[in-house]
Amino acid sequence: MAISIRGRRLVGRLSLLAGLAVTLALVTASATLGALVGGSLPSAGFTYTSDAINDVNMAGTGIHLKTKGPVDLKTTYSRVAPSSGLLGWHYHNGPVFVTVTVGTLTFFDSACGTWDLTAGQTYIETTGQILNARVDPAKNPGIATVEWFTTRIYPDGALDPVPVDAPCTP
């Protein structure tokens, strides 16, 4: 079946528009990712979500990561001003990698035990670990925002994070 000249023009215009949209998306993503790779952080927080459609079975010396099916990956860059409030009790349906880039983030476990994660440190939360966090002003003097990356790996379609009632009062 032949396409009319009018139909070919419409297809051409739609292709051009699609190409422009893809180019704009790539340029925007490239600028953000390029800045991150180059060592500069964005001025606002963001979340990037990805689907890993293949099972993962990665093994190496001291490192083992295996999934039983497709997983979702979500990386969030957070910027939070110091305050005495807690961020919210929760757990995750998979491992979580938290890397602080500016300041100190204080974690609370389900028994209200605490530990600090400072700039340049990473903590790996285990699946089902109940936690909360605070950006304590006393631990962040002169810092406008504490900043960190969180990368979550959890089963495809699962709720994450999962909010829970406070198991203790810090």
Protein backbone atom coordinates (compact mmCIF):
# COMPACT_ATOMS: atom_id res chain seq x y z
CA MET A 1 0.00 0.00 0.00
CA ALA A 2 1.47 3.32 -1.04
CA ILE A 3 1.57 6.33 1.30
CA SER A 4 0.38 9.60 -0.21
CA ILE A 5 2.66 12.64 -0.37
CA ARG A 6 0.61 14.19 2.40
CA GLY A 7 1.09 11.06 4.55
CA ARG A 8 4.86 11.09 3.91
CA ARG A 9 5.07 14.75 4.99
CA LEU A 10 3.17 13.95 8.19
CA VAL A 11 5.48 11.01 8.95
CA GLY A 12 8.49 13.22 8.24
CA ARG A 13 7.25 15.95 10.57
CA LEU A 14 6.44 13.46 13.34
CA SER A 15 9.89 11.90 12.95
CA LEU A 16 11.50 15.34 13.20
CA LEU A 17 9.52 16.17 16.35
CA ALA A 18 10.41 12.82 17.93
CA GLY A 19 14.08 13.36 17.07
CA LEU A 20 14.03 16.82 18.66
CA ALA A 21 12.38 15.45 21.82
CA VAL A 22 14.96 12.67 22.14
CA THR A 23 17.82 15.12 21.54
CA LEU A 24 16.48 17.51 24.20
CA ALA A 25 16.11 14.67 26.72
CA LEU A 26 19.65 13.43 26.02
CA VAL A 27 21.17 16.90 26.30
CA THR A 28 19.40 17.54 29.62
CA ALA A 29 20.37 14.13 31.02
CA SER A 30 23.91 14.45 29.67
CA ALA A 31 24.40 17.82 31.37
CA THR A 32 23.20 16.49 34.74
CA LEU A 33 25.09 13.21 34.51
CA GLY A 34 28.19 14.95 33.15
CA ALA A 35 28.19 17.32 36.12
CA LEU A 36 27.86 14.38 38.51
CA VAL A 37 30.70 12.48 36.84
CA GLY A 38 32.78 15.67 36.86
CA GLY A 39 32.29 15.99 40.61
CA SER A 40 29.77 18.81 40.86
CA LEU A 41 26.40 18.24 42.47
CA PRO A 42 23.08 19.60 41.22
CA SER A 43 21.54 22.57 43.01
CA ALA A 44 18.28 20.71 43.66
CA GLY A 45 17.41 17.17 44.65
CA PHE A 46 16.28 14.67 42.02
CA THR A 47 15.19 11.05 41.62
CA TYR A 48 16.20 8.76 38.77
CA THR A 49 14.33 5.47 38.36
CA SER A 50 15.44 2.58 36.19
CA ASP A 51 14.19 -0.94 35.53
CA ALA A 52 16.66 -3.81 35.42
CA ILE A 53 14.82 -6.26 33.21
CA ASN A 54 17.40 -9.02 33.56
CA ASP A 55 18.13 -11.19 36.56
CA VAL A 56 21.34 -10.22 38.33
CA ASN A 57 23.93 -12.78 39.36
CA MET A 58 27.15 -10.94 40.09
CA ALA A 59 29.91 -12.54 42.09
CA GLY A 60 33.42 -11.44 42.85
CA THR A 61 35.94 -11.46 45.63
CA GLY A 62 33.92 -10.39 48.66
CA ILE A 63 31.03 -9.04 46.56
CA HIS A 64 27.91 -11.03 45.72
CA LEU A 65 24.69 -9.60 44.34
CA LYS A 66 21.97 -11.90 43.12
CA THR A 67 18.30 -11.31 42.35
CA LYS A 68 15.61 -13.84 41.63
CA GLY A 69 13.87 -11.72 39.03
CA PRO A 70 13.51 -8.24 37.60
CA VAL A 71 14.28 -5.37 39.96
CA ASP A 72 13.66 -1.65 40.10
CA LEU A 73 16.55 0.71 40.81
CA LYS A 74 15.96 4.17 42.17
CA THR A 75 18.67 6.73 42.87
CA THR A 76 17.72 9.84 44.79
CA TYR A 77 19.85 12.88 45.51
CA SER A 78 18.55 14.56 48.69
CA ARG A 79 19.28 18.03 50.08
CA VAL A 80 17.80 18.58 53.55
CA ALA A 81 18.27 21.56 55.86
CA PRO A 82 19.30 20.67 59.42
CA SER A 83 16.38 20.34 61.85
CA SER A 84 15.50 18.37 64.94
CA GLY A 85 12.79 16.42 63.07
CA LEU A 86 13.10 12.82 61.95
CA LEU A 87 12.80 11.88 58.28
CA GLY A 88 10.40 8.93 58.88
CA TRP A 89 10.54 5.35 60.16
CA HIS A 90 10.69 2.84 57.30
CA TYR A 91 12.31 -0.24 55.82
CA HIS A 92 13.21 -1.25 52.26
CA ASN A 93 12.36 -4.34 50.21
CA GLY A 94 15.97 -4.65 49.04
CA PRO A 95 19.44 -3.32 49.80
CA VAL A 96 19.99 0.44 49.94
CA PHE A 97 23.28 2.29 49.45
CA VAL A 98 23.42 5.68 51.19
CA THR A 99 26.39 7.96 50.43
CA VAL A 100 26.67 11.32 52.18
CA THR A 101 28.29 14.08 50.10
CA VAL A 102 27.88 17.09 52.45
CA GLY A 103 27.50 17.15 56.24
CA THR A 104 26.44 14.45 58.69
CA LEU A 105 23.37 12.24 58.56
CA THR A 106 22.42 10.53 61.85
CA PHE A 107 20.71 7.13 61.64
CA PHE A 108 18.44 5.53 64.27
CA ASP A 109 17.80 1.77 64.40
CA SER A 110 14.66 0.11 65.80
CA ALA A 111 16.14 0.15 69.35
CA CYS A 112 16.98 3.89 68.99
CA GLY A 113 20.69 3.17 68.72
CA THR A 114 22.43 5.82 66.60
CA TRP A 115 25.40 6.22 64.30
CA ASP A 116 26.59 9.00 62.03
CA LEU A 117 27.41 8.93 58.36
CA THR A 118 29.64 11.82 57.30
CA ALA A 119 30.63 13.23 53.91
CA GLY A 120 32.47 10.60 51.89
CA GLN A 121 31.03 7.64 53.83
CA THR A 122 28.59 5.02 52.56
CA TYR A 123 26.24 2.81 54.55
CA ILE A 124 24.46 -0.23 53.10
CA GLU A 125 21.02 -0.86 54.60
CA THR A 126 19.93 -4.49 54.62
CA THR A 127 16.56 -5.65 53.33
CA GLY A 128 13.88 -5.18 56.02
CA GLN A 129 16.11 -3.11 58.35
CA ILE A 130 13.90 -0.59 60.19
CA LEU A 131 15.55 2.83 60.30
CA ASN A 132 15.03 6.54 60.62
CA ALA A 133 17.40 9.47 60.12
CA ARG A 134 17.87 13.05 61.23
CA VAL A 135 19.84 15.98 59.89
CA ASP A 136 20.89 17.23 63.33
CA PRO A 137 21.75 20.98 63.51
CA ALA A 138 24.28 20.32 66.31
CA LYS A 139 26.24 17.96 64.04
CA ASN A 140 26.02 20.29 61.02
CA PRO A 141 27.01 23.78 62.19
CA GLY A 142 27.24 26.27 59.33
CA ILE A 143 25.87 23.82 56.77
CA ALA A 144 22.78 24.98 54.87
CA THR A 145 21.85 21.50 53.58
CA VAL A 146 23.08 17.98 54.26
CA GLU A 147 23.27 16.11 50.96
CA TRP A 148 23.33 12.44 50.09
CA PHE A 149 22.66 9.88 47.36
CA THR A 150 20.44 6.88 48.04
CA THR A 151 20.37 3.96 45.61
CA ARG A 152 17.64 1.39 46.23
CA ILE A 153 17.37 -2.03 44.60
CA TYR A 154 14.02 -3.75 45.14
CA PRO A 155 11.72 -6.28 43.45
CA ASP A 156 9.99 -4.99 40.33
CA GLY A 157 6.73 -3.28 41.29
CA ALA A 158 7.24 -3.52 45.06
CA LEU A 159 6.49 -0.62 47.38
CA ASP A 160 9.72 1.03 48.51
CA PRO A 161 10.34 2.47 51.03
CA VAL A 162 7.72 0.97 53.33
CA PRO A 163 6.64 3.28 56.18
CA VAL A 164 6.27 1.74 59.66
CA ASP A 165 5.12 2.88 63.09
CA ALA A 166 7.88 4.20 65.35
CA PRO A 167 9.43 1.25 67.24
CA CYS A 168 11.04 3.65 69.75
CA THR A 169 11.28 7.35 70.59
CA PRO A 170 14.71 8.93 70.13
